[in-house]
Amino acid sequence: MGLSKSEIFTERLNKISAFAKALSHPARLAILEHLFKQDTCVCGDLVEEIGLAQPTISQHLKELKNLGLIKGTIQGTRVCYCLDTQKWESLGLELDQFLKQNVIDKQDCC
């Protein structure tokens, strides 16, 4: 499989792409949806809530954390996660601007 050659695209397009990739898996969407409802959440809570194995949840949390959509703090032997609201809002605005671009009327195109 070839490389994505992401370096030839703008930083904005790469950010939107990474954000879309994070949202492309239903488990990550379920994790985010749970975090929207909570102030903080422990990985074990997500295992019970979502019903996936702990290593699977941890891998999805890692993806979301690497993108910066969530933050994790260690509290004893537990890691508590919460949304990074600034990052979430920033990426949401980027995606919103991308989706709201003026679209030329293409009704006669095909």
Protein backbone atom coordinates (compact mmCIF):
# COMPACT_ATOMS: atom_id res chain seq x y z
CA MET A 1 0.00 0.00 0.00
CA GLY A 2 1.33 3.46 -0.87
CA LEU A 3 2.04 6.33 1.46
CA SER A 4 -0.67 8.94 2.01
CA LYS A 5 1.75 11.76 1.12
CA SER A 6 0.06 13.93 3.74
CA GLU A 7 2.93 16.42 3.50
CA ILE A 8 1.62 17.62 0.12
CA PHE A 9 -1.65 18.75 1.73
CA THR A 10 -2.28 21.78 3.90
CA GLU A 11 -2.13 21.57 7.67
CA ARG A 12 -5.85 22.39 7.73
CA LEU A 13 -6.75 19.44 5.48
CA ASN A 14 -4.55 17.09 7.51
CA LYS A 15 -6.24 18.24 10.75
CA ILE A 16 -9.70 17.72 9.29
CA SER A 17 -8.67 14.31 7.97
CA ALA A 18 -7.32 13.21 11.37
CA PHE A 19 -10.49 14.46 13.06
CA ALA A 20 -12.67 12.59 10.56
CA LYS A 21 -10.60 9.43 11.05
CA ALA A 22 -11.11 9.64 14.82
CA LEU A 23 -14.85 9.93 14.27
CA SER A 24 -14.92 7.09 11.74
CA HIS A 25 -15.16 4.28 14.28
CA PRO A 26 -18.39 3.66 16.22
CA ALA A 27 -16.50 2.69 19.39
CA ARG A 28 -14.72 6.06 19.44
CA LEU A 29 -18.03 7.81 18.84
CA ALA A 30 -19.54 5.87 21.76
CA ILE A 31 -16.60 6.85 23.98
CA LEU A 32 -16.97 10.51 23.03
CA GLU A 33 -20.73 10.36 23.53
CA HIS A 34 -20.20 8.92 27.02
CA LEU A 35 -17.64 11.61 27.86
CA PHE A 36 -20.06 14.34 26.70
CA LYS A 37 -22.41 13.17 29.46
CA GLN A 38 -19.75 12.90 32.19
CA ASP A 39 -17.27 15.26 33.81
CA THR A 40 -14.65 12.50 33.90
CA CYS A 41 -14.63 8.81 33.16
CA VAL A 42 -12.44 5.87 34.13
CA CYS A 43 -11.50 3.33 31.47
CA GLY A 44 -13.28 0.60 33.44
CA ASP A 45 -16.52 2.60 33.29
CA LEU A 46 -16.24 2.62 29.51
CA VAL A 47 -15.73 -1.14 29.41
CA GLU A 48 -19.01 -1.59 31.27
CA GLU A 49 -20.84 1.14 29.34
CA ILE A 50 -19.76 0.18 25.82
CA GLY A 51 -19.26 -3.54 26.26
CA LEU A 52 -15.88 -3.92 24.57
CA ALA A 53 -12.78 -5.48 26.12
CA GLN A 54 -10.50 -3.24 28.19
CA PRO A 55 -7.56 -3.46 25.73
CA THR A 56 -9.88 -2.44 22.88
CA ILE A 57 -11.22 0.53 24.84
CA SER A 58 -7.66 1.50 25.77
CA GLN A 59 -6.60 1.47 22.11
CA HIS A 60 -9.50 3.72 21.12
CA LEU A 61 -8.75 6.04 24.03
CA LYS A 62 -5.14 6.23 22.85
CA GLU A 63 -6.27 7.28 19.37
CA LEU A 64 -8.54 9.98 20.78
CA LYS A 65 -5.84 11.18 23.16
CA ASN A 66 -3.17 11.29 20.43
CA LEU A 67 -5.43 13.56 18.41
CA GLY A 68 -5.96 15.68 21.51
CA LEU A 69 -9.72 15.27 21.67
CA ILE A 70 -9.50 13.87 25.19
CA LYS A 71 -7.19 14.29 28.15
CA GLY A 72 -6.26 11.69 30.73
CA THR A 73 -5.09 12.18 34.29
CA ILE A 74 -3.71 9.50 36.57
CA GLN A 75 -5.50 9.17 39.90
CA GLY A 76 -3.86 6.39 41.87
CA THR A 77 -4.11 3.23 39.78
CA ARG A 78 -6.83 4.67 37.54
CA VAL A 79 -6.74 6.96 34.54
CA CYS A 80 -9.63 9.40 34.30
CA TYR A 81 -10.51 10.80 30.90
CA CYS A 82 -12.37 13.93 29.89
CA LEU A 83 -12.92 15.92 26.73
CA ASP A 84 -10.39 18.58 25.80
CA THR A 85 -13.05 21.18 25.14
CA GLN A 86 -10.69 23.71 23.53
CA LYS A 87 -9.36 21.16 21.04
CA TRP A 88 -12.85 19.78 20.41
CA GLU A 89 -14.22 23.26 19.65
CA SER A 90 -11.24 24.16 17.47
CA LEU A 91 -11.50 21.00 15.37
CA GLY A 92 -15.28 21.34 15.24
CA LEU A 93 -14.93 24.83 13.78
CA GLU A 94 -12.43 23.57 11.19
CA LEU A 95 -14.82 20.82 10.13
CA ASP A 96 -17.79 23.17 10.14
CA GLN A 97 -15.98 25.67 7.91
CA PHE A 98 -14.98 22.88 5.54
CA LEU A 99 -18.53 21.54 5.29
CA LYS A 100 -20.06 24.98 4.82
CA GLN A 101 -17.93 25.94 1.84
CA ASN A 102 -19.87 27.46 -1.02
CA VAL A 103 -20.87 24.71 -3.38
CA ILE A 104 -21.33 25.62 -7.01
CA ASP A 105 -24.69 24.50 -8.32
CA LYS A 106 -23.92 21.13 -9.85
CA GLN A 107 -27.47 20.03 -10.62
CA ASP A 108 -26.71 19.74 -14.34
CA CYS A 109 -23.35 18.04 -13.89
CA CYS A 110 -24.35 14.40 -14.47
